[in-house]
Amino acid sequence: MADIVDLHIHTNHSDGYYTPKEIVDFARRHEVAIISITDHDNLAAIKEAQAYGEQFGVEVIPGLEISSDIRDKEIHILAYLFDVDNEELNRYLLFFRQERVKRAIRMVEKLNEIGLPLEIDDVLSIAKNSAVGRPHVAQALVAKGLVSSYFEAFYKYIGNGCPAYEKKVHLSPQSAFKIISDAGGLSFIAHPGNMSEALIKELIDDGVDGIEVVHPSHSAQLVKYYKGIVNEYFLLESGGSDFHGGKREDEKSFGKFTVTRSIVTAMQRRLSRGNK
């Protein structure tokens, strides 16, 4: 199998469309040797994907995406190579999944106030056992015929600043970095394309291990820019397709936004040296 790596993929255990097995099948078809499933606040897909991937030579490394913020600016943090069974990490993730349900309830209440008769059970029946998020609310609105499209739900009702928007409960970046580190993992700034250099520098000072250099939203110029920051501050780099599937219609991104095995090797070496 080719030396191709995609370290940013979501399944139906968060806001992705495909099952863990289907993601491994995508990797096989696109000759991707190593993947990381980085569901939001949820580790449920990892072991299933690892067991299935072993049958076909697709390596699945532990991954996770966590929301954080600095001065009301939302920041996403990717975590890799942690202990999936770490009790403290799992306790935090359970708390955030519970908070996601409470957030969805508040969004439904706001939608009701503006005349959209949605119920929380409509949302939960779509989310099933995955971490509940705005995509599930959008899908429920479409299913009930309350909007004509998934995208209309966001730009009219639940997108940032819209009438039914509700902010997520966030960890501080420092807390997120510590939780990830204590679980034996590494933390990365996810898709920093709209972040200022000052903010990136602040996260570096706070102890982040690396930056997601390759991402569908990054131009070739941005990729070069982030590689420069990584080298300047002796950080690690990661990269991937940020693949979701389904309504995102991003299947064409799978296998296109990738890094090489050497990126994962560098992560493993950093951990083995304990030089974090």
C-alpha atoms as a PDB file:
ATOM      1  CA  MET A   1       0.000   0.000   0.000  1.00  0.00           C
ATOM      2  CA  ALA A   2       1.208   3.503  -0.829  1.00  0.00           C
ATOM      3  CA  ASP A   3       2.869   5.704   1.801  1.00  0.00           C
ATOM      4  CA  ILE A   4      -0.196   7.963   2.167  1.00  0.00           C
ATOM      5  CA  VAL A   5      -1.559   9.195   5.513  1.00  0.00           C
ATOM      6  CA  ASP A   6      -4.807  11.034   6.382  1.00  0.00           C
ATOM      7  CA  LEU A   7      -4.957  12.190   9.994  1.00  0.00           C
ATOM      8  CA  HIS A   8      -8.303  14.016  10.060  1.00  0.00           C
ATOM      9  CA  ILE A   9     -11.427  11.927   9.421  1.00  0.00           C
ATOM     10  CA  HIS A  10     -14.874  11.908  11.054  1.00  0.00           C
ATOM     11  CA  THR A  11     -17.361   9.046  11.316  1.00  0.00           C
ATOM     12  CA  ASN A  12     -21.026   8.758  12.218  1.00  0.00           C
ATOM     13  CA  HIS A  13     -19.970   8.688  15.864  1.00  0.00           C
ATOM     14  CA  SER A  14     -19.735  12.493  15.656  1.00  0.00           C
ATOM     15  CA  ASP A  15     -20.661  14.660  12.670  1.00  0.00           C
ATOM     16  CA  GLY A  16     -19.502  12.349   9.877  1.00  0.00           C
ATOM     17  CA  TYR A  17     -21.747  10.282   7.619  1.00  0.00           C
ATOM     18  CA  TYR A  18     -19.917   6.959   7.238  1.00  0.00           C
ATOM     19  CA  THR A  19     -19.341   4.129   9.712  1.00  0.00           C
ATOM     20  CA  PRO A  20     -15.826   3.264  10.923  1.00  0.00           C
ATOM     21  CA  LYS A  21     -15.729   0.214   8.615  1.00  0.00           C
ATOM     22  CA  GLU A  22     -16.834   2.298   5.647  1.00  0.00           C
ATOM     23  CA  ILE A  23     -14.025   4.772   6.390  1.00  0.00           C
ATOM     24  CA  VAL A  24     -11.493   1.930   6.349  1.00  0.00           C
ATOM     25  CA  ASP A  25     -12.943   0.806   3.023  1.00  0.00           C
ATOM     26  CA  PHE A  26     -12.472   4.357   1.683  1.00  0.00           C
ATOM     27  CA  ALA A  27      -8.843   4.194   2.809  1.00  0.00           C
ATOM     28  CA  ARG A  28      -8.334   0.870   1.037  1.00  0.00           C
ATOM     29  CA  ARG A  29      -9.793   2.180  -2.223  1.00  0.00           C
ATOM     30  CA  HIS A  30      -7.637   5.307  -2.112  1.00  0.00           C
ATOM     31  CA  GLU A  31      -4.512   3.395  -1.017  1.00  0.00           C
ATOM     32  CA  VAL A  32      -4.249   5.341   2.235  1.00  0.00           C
ATOM     33  CA  ALA A  33      -1.955   3.362   4.547  1.00  0.00           C
ATOM     34  CA  ILE A  34      -2.595   5.177   7.851  1.00  0.00           C
ATOM     35  CA  ILE A  35      -5.674   7.038   8.998  1.00  0.00           C
ATOM     36  CA  SER A  36      -6.764   8.712  12.207  1.00  0.00           C
ATOM     37  CA  ILE A  37     -10.435   8.963  13.103  1.00  0.00           C
ATOM     38  CA  THR A  38     -10.811  12.297  14.883  1.00  0.00           C
ATOM     39  CA  ASP A  39     -14.430  12.375  15.976  1.00  0.00           C
ATOM     40  CA  HIS A  40     -15.618  15.256  18.140  1.00  0.00           C
ATOM     41  CA  ASP A  41     -15.615  14.339  21.846  1.00  0.00           C
ATOM     42  CA  ASN A  42     -16.008  10.638  21.041  1.00  0.00           C
ATOM     43  CA  LEU A  43     -13.636   7.668  20.886  1.00  0.00           C
ATOM     44  CA  ALA A  44     -16.216   4.988  20.076  1.00  0.00           C
ATOM     45  CA  ALA A  45     -15.137   4.498  16.451  1.00  0.00           C
ATOM     46  CA  ILE A  46     -11.436   3.893  17.067  1.00  0.00           C
ATOM     47  CA  LYS A  47     -11.273   0.284  18.249  1.00  0.00           C
ATOM     48  CA  GLU A  48     -13.830  -0.867  15.673  1.00  0.00           C
ATOM     49  CA  ALA A  49     -11.845   0.789  12.870  1.00  0.00           C
ATOM     50  CA  GLN A  50      -8.552  -0.609  14.195  1.00  0.00           C
ATOM     51  CA  ALA A  51      -9.864  -4.179  14.307  1.00  0.00           C
ATOM     52  CA  TYR A  52     -11.329  -3.922  10.805  1.00  0.00           C
ATOM     53  CA  GLY A  53      -8.275  -2.114   9.410  1.00  0.00           C
ATOM     54  CA  GLU A  54      -5.920  -4.832  10.644  1.00  0.00           C
ATOM     55  CA  GLN A  55      -7.583  -7.255   8.240  1.00  0.00           C
ATOM     56  CA  PHE A  56      -6.648  -5.106   5.242  1.00  0.00           C
ATOM     57  CA  GLY A  57      -3.362  -3.461   6.197  1.00  0.00           C
ATOM     58  CA  VAL A  58      -4.901  -0.076   7.081  1.00  0.00           C
ATOM     59  CA  GLU A  59      -3.396   1.281  10.295  1.00  0.00           C
ATOM     60  CA  VAL A  60      -5.739   3.359  12.464  1.00  0.00           C
ATOM     61  CA  ILE A  61      -4.089   5.568  15.071  1.00  0.00           C
ATOM     62  CA  PRO A  62      -6.074   7.070  17.966  1.00  0.00           C
ATOM     63  CA  GLY A  63      -7.412  10.541  17.215  1.00  0.00           C
ATOM     64  CA  LEU A  64      -9.842  13.076  18.632  1.00  0.00           C
ATOM     65  CA  GLU A  65     -11.064  16.624  17.988  1.00  0.00           C
ATOM     66  CA  ILE A  66     -11.850  18.880  20.958  1.00  0.00           C
ATOM     67  CA  SER A  67     -13.370  22.383  20.944  1.00  0.00           C
ATOM     68  CA  SER A  68     -11.674  25.133  22.896  1.00  0.00           C
ATOM     69  CA  ASP A  69     -11.679  28.913  22.829  1.00  0.00           C
ATOM     70  CA  ILE A  70      -9.614  31.984  23.568  1.00  0.00           C
ATOM     71  CA  ARG A  71     -11.470  35.244  24.224  1.00  0.00           C
ATOM     72  CA  ASP A  72     -14.653  33.888  22.610  1.00  0.00           C
ATOM     73  CA  LYS A  73     -12.841  32.702  19.483  1.00  0.00           C
ATOM     74  CA  GLU A  74     -13.485  29.001  18.932  1.00  0.00           C
ATOM     75  CA  ILE A  75     -10.406  26.870  18.369  1.00  0.00           C
ATOM     76  CA  HIS A  76     -10.330  23.187  17.510  1.00  0.00           C
ATOM     77  CA  ILE A  77      -7.600  20.950  18.878  1.00  0.00           C
ATOM     78  CA  LEU A  78      -6.641  17.584  17.422  1.00  0.00           C
ATOM     79  CA  ALA A  79      -5.213  14.870  19.656  1.00  0.00           C
ATOM     80  CA  TYR A  80      -3.231  11.827  18.532  1.00  0.00           C
ATOM     81  CA  LEU A  81      -1.645   8.648  19.905  1.00  0.00           C
ATOM     82  CA  PHE A  82      -3.212   8.872  23.364  1.00  0.00           C
ATOM     83  CA  ASP A  83      -4.436   5.950  25.462  1.00  0.00           C
ATOM     84  CA  VAL A  84      -8.010   5.352  24.314  1.00  0.00           C
ATOM     85  CA  ASP A  85      -8.841   3.803  27.706  1.00  0.00           C
ATOM     86  CA  ASN A  86      -7.487   6.674  29.809  1.00  0.00           C
ATOM     87  CA  GLU A  87     -10.083   7.224  32.549  1.00  0.00           C
ATOM     88  CA  GLU A  88      -9.618  10.980  32.961  1.00  0.00           C
ATOM     89  CA  LEU A  89      -9.863  11.629  29.225  1.00  0.00           C
ATOM     90  CA  ASN A  90     -12.996   9.511  28.942  1.00  0.00           C
ATOM     91  CA  ARG A  91     -14.553  11.273  31.932  1.00  0.00           C
ATOM     92  CA  TYR A  92     -14.061  14.657  30.268  1.00  0.00           C
ATOM     93  CA  LEU A  93     -15.434  13.405  26.959  1.00  0.00           C
ATOM     94  CA  LEU A  94     -18.548  12.001  28.646  1.00  0.00           C
ATOM     95  CA  PHE A  95     -19.121  15.396  30.264  1.00  0.00           C
ATOM     96  CA  PHE A  96     -18.826  17.175  26.917  1.00  0.00           C
ATOM     97  CA  ARG A  97     -21.172  14.734  25.192  1.00  0.00           C
ATOM     98  CA  GLN A  98     -23.731  15.389  27.929  1.00  0.00           C
ATOM     99  CA  GLU A  99     -23.258  19.133  27.453  1.00  0.00           C
ATOM    100  CA  ARG A 100     -23.832  18.680  23.722  1.00  0.00           C
ATOM    101  CA  VAL A 101     -27.284  17.242  24.432  1.00  0.00           C
ATOM    102  CA  LYS A 102     -28.103  20.190  26.719  1.00  0.00           C
ATOM    103  CA  ARG A 103     -26.958  22.563  23.977  1.00  0.00           C
ATOM    104  CA  ALA A 104     -29.168  20.810  21.418  1.00  0.00           C
ATOM    105  CA  ILE A 105     -32.140  21.172  23.789  1.00  0.00           C
ATOM    106  CA  ARG A 106     -31.506  24.923  24.068  1.00  0.00           C
ATOM    107  CA  MET A 107     -31.281  25.208  20.269  1.00  0.00           C
ATOM    108  CA  VAL A 108     -34.571  23.346  19.833  1.00  0.00           C
ATOM    109  CA  GLU A 109     -36.208  25.674  22.365  1.00  0.00           C
ATOM    110  CA  LYS A 110     -34.976  28.698  20.425  1.00  0.00           C
ATOM    111  CA  LEU A 111     -36.263  27.199  17.175  1.00  0.00           C
ATOM    112  CA  ASN A 112     -39.640  26.662  18.818  1.00  0.00           C
ATOM    113  CA  GLU A 113     -39.693  30.305  19.931  1.00  0.00           C
ATOM    114  CA  ILE A 114     -39.351  31.461  16.319  1.00  0.00           C
ATOM    115  CA  GLY A 115     -42.096  29.147  15.090  1.00  0.00           C
ATOM    116  CA  LEU A 116     -40.252  25.993  14.041  1.00  0.00           C
ATOM    117  CA  PRO A 117     -41.931  22.974  15.712  1.00  0.00           C
ATOM    118  CA  LEU A 118     -38.889  20.751  16.180  1.00  0.00           C
ATOM    119  CA  GLU A 119     -38.535  18.366  19.134  1.00  0.00           C
ATOM    120  CA  ILE A 120     -35.329  17.181  20.785  1.00  0.00           C
ATOM    121  CA  ASP A 121     -36.312  13.565  20.031  1.00  0.00           C
ATOM    122  CA  ASP A 122     -36.218  14.457  16.312  1.00  0.00           C
ATOM    123  CA  VAL A 123     -32.566  15.421  16.767  1.00  0.00           C
ATOM    124  CA  LEU A 124     -31.594  12.513  19.007  1.00  0.00           C
ATOM    125  CA  SER A 125     -33.152   9.956  16.650  1.00  0.00           C
ATOM    126  CA  ILE A 126     -30.796  11.186  13.922  1.00  0.00           C
ATOM    127  CA  ALA A 127     -27.744  11.470  16.181  1.00  0.00           C
ATOM    128  CA  LYS A 128     -28.334   7.984  17.658  1.00  0.00           C
ATOM    129  CA  ASN A 129     -25.254   7.171  19.789  1.00  0.00           C
ATOM    130  CA  SER A 130     -22.982   9.811  18.319  1.00  0.00           C
ATOM    131  CA  ALA A 131     -21.927  13.113  19.888  1.00  0.00           C
ATOM    132  CA  VAL A 132     -24.853  15.468  19.198  1.00  0.00           C
ATOM    133  CA  GLY A 133     -24.014  18.542  17.150  1.00  0.00           C
ATOM    134  CA  ARG A 134     -25.473  21.193  14.890  1.00  0.00           C
ATOM    135  CA  PRO A 135     -25.360  18.896  11.841  1.00  0.00           C
ATOM    136  CA  HIS A 136     -27.905  16.645  13.564  1.00  0.00           C
ATOM    137  CA  VAL A 137     -30.170  19.634  14.271  1.00  0.00           C
ATOM    138  CA  ALA A 138     -29.856  20.664  10.622  1.00  0.00           C
ATOM    139  CA  GLN A 139     -30.714  17.157   9.414  1.00  0.00           C
ATOM    140  CA  ALA A 140     -33.742  17.057  11.719  1.00  0.00           C
ATOM    141  CA  LEU A 141     -34.977  20.382  10.338  1.00  0.00           C
ATOM    142  CA  VAL A 142     -34.684  19.019   6.808  1.00  0.00           C
ATOM    143  CA  ALA A 143     -36.387  15.729   7.730  1.00  0.00           C
ATOM    144  CA  LYS A 144     -39.340  17.617   9.248  1.00  0.00           C
ATOM    145  CA  GLY A 145     -39.649  19.825   6.154  1.00  0.00           C
ATOM    146  CA  LEU A 146     -38.896  22.956   8.159  1.00  0.00           C
ATOM    147  CA  VAL A 147     -36.064  23.995   5.842  1.00  0.00           C
ATOM    148  CA  SER A 148     -35.359  23.087   2.234  1.00  0.00           C
ATOM    149  CA  SER A 149     -31.706  22.150   2.761  1.00  0.00           C
ATOM    150  CA  TYR A 150     -29.017  21.351   5.310  1.00  0.00           C
ATOM    151  CA  PHE A 151     -27.212  24.568   4.405  1.00  0.00           C
ATOM    152  CA  GLU A 152     -30.361  26.693   4.814  1.00  0.00           C
ATOM    153  CA  ALA A 153     -30.627  25.415   8.391  1.00  0.00           C
ATOM    154  CA  PHE A 154     -27.179  26.813   9.125  1.00  0.00           C
ATOM    155  CA  TYR A 155     -27.337  30.166   7.374  1.00  0.00           C
ATOM    156  CA  LYS A 156     -30.873  30.976   8.567  1.00  0.00           C
ATOM    157  CA  TYR A 157     -31.136  29.445  12.005  1.00  0.00           C
ATOM    158  CA  ILE A 158     -28.234  27.622  13.694  1.00  0.00           C
ATOM    159  CA  GLY A 159     -25.057  29.104  12.218  1.00  0.00           C
ATOM    160  CA  ASN A 160     -22.878  31.446  14.277  1.00  0.00           C
ATOM    161  CA  GLY A 161     -24.847  34.577  15.144  1.00  0.00           C
ATOM    162  CA  CYS A 162     -28.158  33.143  13.903  1.00  0.00           C
ATOM    163  CA  PRO A 163     -31.390  33.160  15.976  1.00  0.00           C
ATOM    164  CA  ALA A 164     -31.080  29.594  17.311  1.00  0.00           C
ATOM    165  CA  TYR A 165     -27.298  29.483  17.703  1.00  0.00           C
ATOM    166  CA  GLU A 166     -25.981  28.194  21.020  1.00  0.00           C
ATOM    167  CA  LYS A 167     -22.349  28.275  22.058  1.00  0.00           C
ATOM    168  CA  LYS A 168     -20.626  25.030  23.060  1.00  0.00           C
ATOM    169  CA  VAL A 169     -19.052  24.475  26.467  1.00  0.00           C
ATOM    170  CA  HIS A 170     -15.303  24.628  25.939  1.00  0.00           C
ATOM    171  CA  LEU A 171     -12.101  23.716  27.705  1.00  0.00           C
ATOM    172  CA  SER A 172      -9.326  26.261  27.798  1.00  0.00           C
ATOM    173  CA  PRO A 173      -6.471  25.346  25.427  1.00  0.00           C
ATOM    174  CA  GLN A 174      -4.138  24.814  28.390  1.00  0.00           C
ATOM    175  CA  SER A 175      -6.603  22.370  29.985  1.00  0.00           C
ATOM    176  CA  ALA A 176      -7.064  20.516  26.711  1.00  0.00           C
ATOM    177  CA  PHE A 177      -3.298  20.209  26.197  1.00  0.00           C
ATOM    178  CA  LYS A 178      -2.869  18.848  29.735  1.00  0.00           C
ATOM    179  CA  ILE A 179      -5.674  16.288  29.424  1.00  0.00           C
ATOM    180  CA  ILE A 180      -4.248  15.058  26.118  1.00  0.00           C
ATOM    181  CA  SER A 181      -0.701  14.945  27.477  1.00  0.00           C
ATOM    182  CA  ASP A 182      -1.778  13.147  30.660  1.00  0.00           C
ATOM    183  CA  ALA A 183      -3.435  10.520  28.431  1.00  0.00           C
ATOM    184  CA  GLY A 184      -0.097   9.988  26.680  1.00  0.00           C
ATOM    185  CA  GLY A 185      -0.974  11.908  23.522  1.00  0.00           C
ATOM    186  CA  LEU A 186       0.004  14.902  21.421  1.00  0.00           C
ATOM    187  CA  SER A 187      -2.033  18.062  20.718  1.00  0.00           C
ATOM    188  CA  PHE A 188      -2.272  19.986  17.444  1.00  0.00           C
ATOM    189  CA  ILE A 189      -3.937  23.212  16.331  1.00  0.00           C
ATOM    190  CA  ALA A 190      -6.610  22.145  13.833  1.00  0.00           C
ATOM    191  CA  HIS A 191      -7.127  23.978  10.509  1.00  0.00           C
ATOM    192  CA  PRO A 192      -5.607  27.295  11.649  1.00  0.00           C
ATOM    193  CA  GLY A 193      -6.299  29.039   8.325  1.00  0.00           C
ATOM    194  CA  ASN A 194      -8.332  31.866   9.866  1.00  0.00           C
ATOM    195  CA  MET A 195      -6.143  32.347  12.922  1.00  0.00           C
ATOM    196  CA  SER A 196      -3.740  35.247  13.432  1.00  0.00           C
ATOM    197  CA  GLU A 197      -0.040  34.627  13.891  1.00  0.00           C
ATOM    198  CA  ALA A 198      -0.335  36.150  17.381  1.00  0.00           C
ATOM    199  CA  LEU A 199      -2.994  33.625  18.357  1.00  0.00           C
ATOM    200  CA  ILE A 200      -0.961  30.719  16.986  1.00  0.00           C
ATOM    201  CA  LYS A 201       2.056  31.978  18.936  1.00  0.00           C
ATOM    202  CA  GLU A 202      -0.078  32.143  22.090  1.00  0.00           C
ATOM    203  CA  LEU A 203      -1.090  28.489  21.643  1.00  0.00           C
ATOM    204  CA  ILE A 204       2.539  27.526  21.070  1.00  0.00           C
ATOM    205  CA  ASP A 205       3.476  29.297  24.318  1.00  0.00           C
ATOM    206  CA  ASP A 206       0.633  27.407  26.040  1.00  0.00           C
ATOM    207  CA  GLY A 207       2.246  24.096  25.086  1.00  0.00           C
ATOM    208  CA  VAL A 208       0.674  22.769  21.877  1.00  0.00           C
ATOM    209  CA  ASP A 209       2.767  20.045  20.245  1.00  0.00           C
ATOM    210  CA  GLY A 210       2.062  20.794  16.608  1.00  0.00           C
ATOM    211  CA  ILE A 211       0.020  22.372  13.825  1.00  0.00           C
ATOM    212  CA  GLU A 212      -2.249  20.848  11.202  1.00  0.00           C
ATOM    213  CA  VAL A 213      -0.347  21.995   8.125  1.00  0.00           C
ATOM    214  CA  VAL A 214      -2.289  20.211   5.358  1.00  0.00           C
ATOM    215  CA  HIS A 215      -6.054  20.844   5.219  1.00  0.00           C
ATOM    216  CA  PRO A 216      -8.585  21.403   2.391  1.00  0.00           C
ATOM    217  CA  SER A 217      -8.977  25.045   3.473  1.00  0.00           C
ATOM    218  CA  HIS A 218      -5.225  25.744   3.240  1.00  0.00           C
ATOM    219  CA  SER A 219      -3.737  27.096   0.034  1.00  0.00           C
ATOM    220  CA  ALA A 220      -0.267  26.035  -1.077  1.00  0.00           C
ATOM    221  CA  GLN A 221       0.985  29.343   0.293  1.00  0.00           C
ATOM    222  CA  LEU A 222      -0.576  28.667   3.700  1.00  0.00           C
ATOM    223  CA  VAL A 223       0.878  25.153   3.791  1.00  0.00           C
ATOM    224  CA  LYS A 224       4.325  26.635   3.210  1.00  0.00           C
ATOM    225  CA  TYR A 225       3.680  29.289   5.869  1.00  0.00           C
ATOM    226  CA  TYR A 226       2.671  26.727   8.516  1.00  0.00           C
ATOM    227  CA  LYS A 227       5.618  24.504   7.655  1.00  0.00           C
ATOM    228  CA  GLY A 228       7.795  27.519   8.383  1.00  0.00           C
ATOM    229  CA  ILE A 229       6.194  28.017  11.809  1.00  0.00           C
ATOM    230  CA  VAL A 230       6.564  24.304  12.593  1.00  0.00           C
ATOM    231  CA  ASN A 231      10.269  24.447  11.765  1.00  0.00           C
ATOM    232  CA  GLU A 232      10.854  27.727  13.598  1.00  0.00           C
ATOM    233  CA  TYR A 233       9.366  26.488  16.866  1.00  0.00           C
ATOM    234  CA  PHE A 234      10.450  22.820  16.626  1.00  0.00           C
ATOM    235  CA  LEU A 235       6.835  21.665  16.445  1.00  0.00           C
ATOM    236  CA  LEU A 236       5.270  18.599  14.852  1.00  0.00           C
ATOM    237  CA  GLU A 237       2.991  18.750  11.831  1.00  0.00           C
ATOM    238  CA  SER A 238      -0.122  16.849  10.864  1.00  0.00           C
ATOM    239  CA  GLY A 239      -2.552  16.935   7.974  1.00  0.00           C
ATOM    240  CA  GLY A 240      -5.634  15.385   6.488  1.00  0.00           C
ATOM    241  CA  SER A 241      -8.859  15.754   4.565  1.00  0.00           C
ATOM    242  CA  ASP A 242     -11.185  16.704   7.475  1.00  0.00           C
ATOM    243  CA  PHE A 243     -13.502  14.233   5.798  1.00  0.00           C
ATOM    244  CA  HIS A 244     -17.161  14.044   6.829  1.00  0.00           C
ATOM    245  CA  GLY A 245     -19.083  12.719   3.817  1.00  0.00           C
ATOM    246  CA  GLY A 246     -22.843  12.902   3.369  1.00  0.00           C
ATOM    247  CA  LYS A 247     -24.238  16.434   3.235  1.00  0.00           C
ATOM    248  CA  ARG A 248     -20.727  17.894   3.085  1.00  0.00           C
ATOM    249  CA  GLU A 249     -20.286  16.236  -0.330  1.00  0.00           C
ATOM    250  CA  ASP A 250     -16.532  16.112   0.278  1.00  0.00           C
ATOM    251  CA  GLU A 251     -15.850  12.606  -1.014  1.00  0.00           C
ATOM    252  CA  LYS A 252     -13.494  14.117  -3.576  1.00  0.00           C
ATOM    253  CA  SER A 253     -11.243  15.273  -0.729  1.00  0.00           C
ATOM    254  CA  PHE A 254     -10.543  11.748   0.509  1.00  0.00           C
ATOM    255  CA  GLY A 255      -7.033  10.704  -0.494  1.00  0.00           C
ATOM    256  CA  LYS A 256      -6.224  14.175  -1.803  1.00  0.00           C
ATOM    257  CA  PHE A 257      -5.198  16.085   1.332  1.00  0.00           C
ATOM    258  CA  THR A 258      -2.610  13.819   2.895  1.00  0.00           C
ATOM    259  CA  VAL A 259       0.803  13.635   4.533  1.00  0.00           C
ATOM    260  CA  THR A 260       3.440  10.900   4.615  1.00  0.00           C
ATOM    261  CA  ARG A 261       4.278   8.148   7.084  1.00  0.00           C
ATOM    262  CA  SER A 262       7.275  10.188   8.270  1.00  0.00           C
ATOM    263  CA  ILE A 263       4.841  12.608   9.955  1.00  0.00           C
ATOM    264  CA  VAL A 264       3.468   9.797  12.141  1.00  0.00           C
ATOM    265  CA  THR A 265       6.991   8.496  12.791  1.00  0.00           C
ATOM    266  CA  ALA A 266       8.006  11.946  14.042  1.00  0.00           C
ATOM    267  CA  MET A 267       5.042  11.941  16.433  1.00  0.00           C
ATOM    268  CA  GLN A 268       5.953   8.514  17.763  1.00  0.00           C
ATOM    269  CA  ARG A 269       9.570   9.549  18.248  1.00  0.00           C
ATOM    270  CA  ARG A 270       8.533  12.656  20.159  1.00  0.00           C
ATOM    271  CA  LEU A 271       6.473  10.529  22.515  1.00  0.00           C
ATOM    272  CA  SER A 272       9.142   7.878  22.933  1.00  0.00           C
ATOM    273  CA  ARG A 273      11.662  10.581  23.911  1.00  0.00           C
ATOM    274  CA  GLY A 274       9.182  12.098  26.326  1.00  0.00           C
ATOM    275  CA  ASN A 275      10.243  15.448  24.887  1.00  0.00           C
ATOM    276  CA  LYS A 276       6.919  17.235  24.904  1.00  0.00           C
END
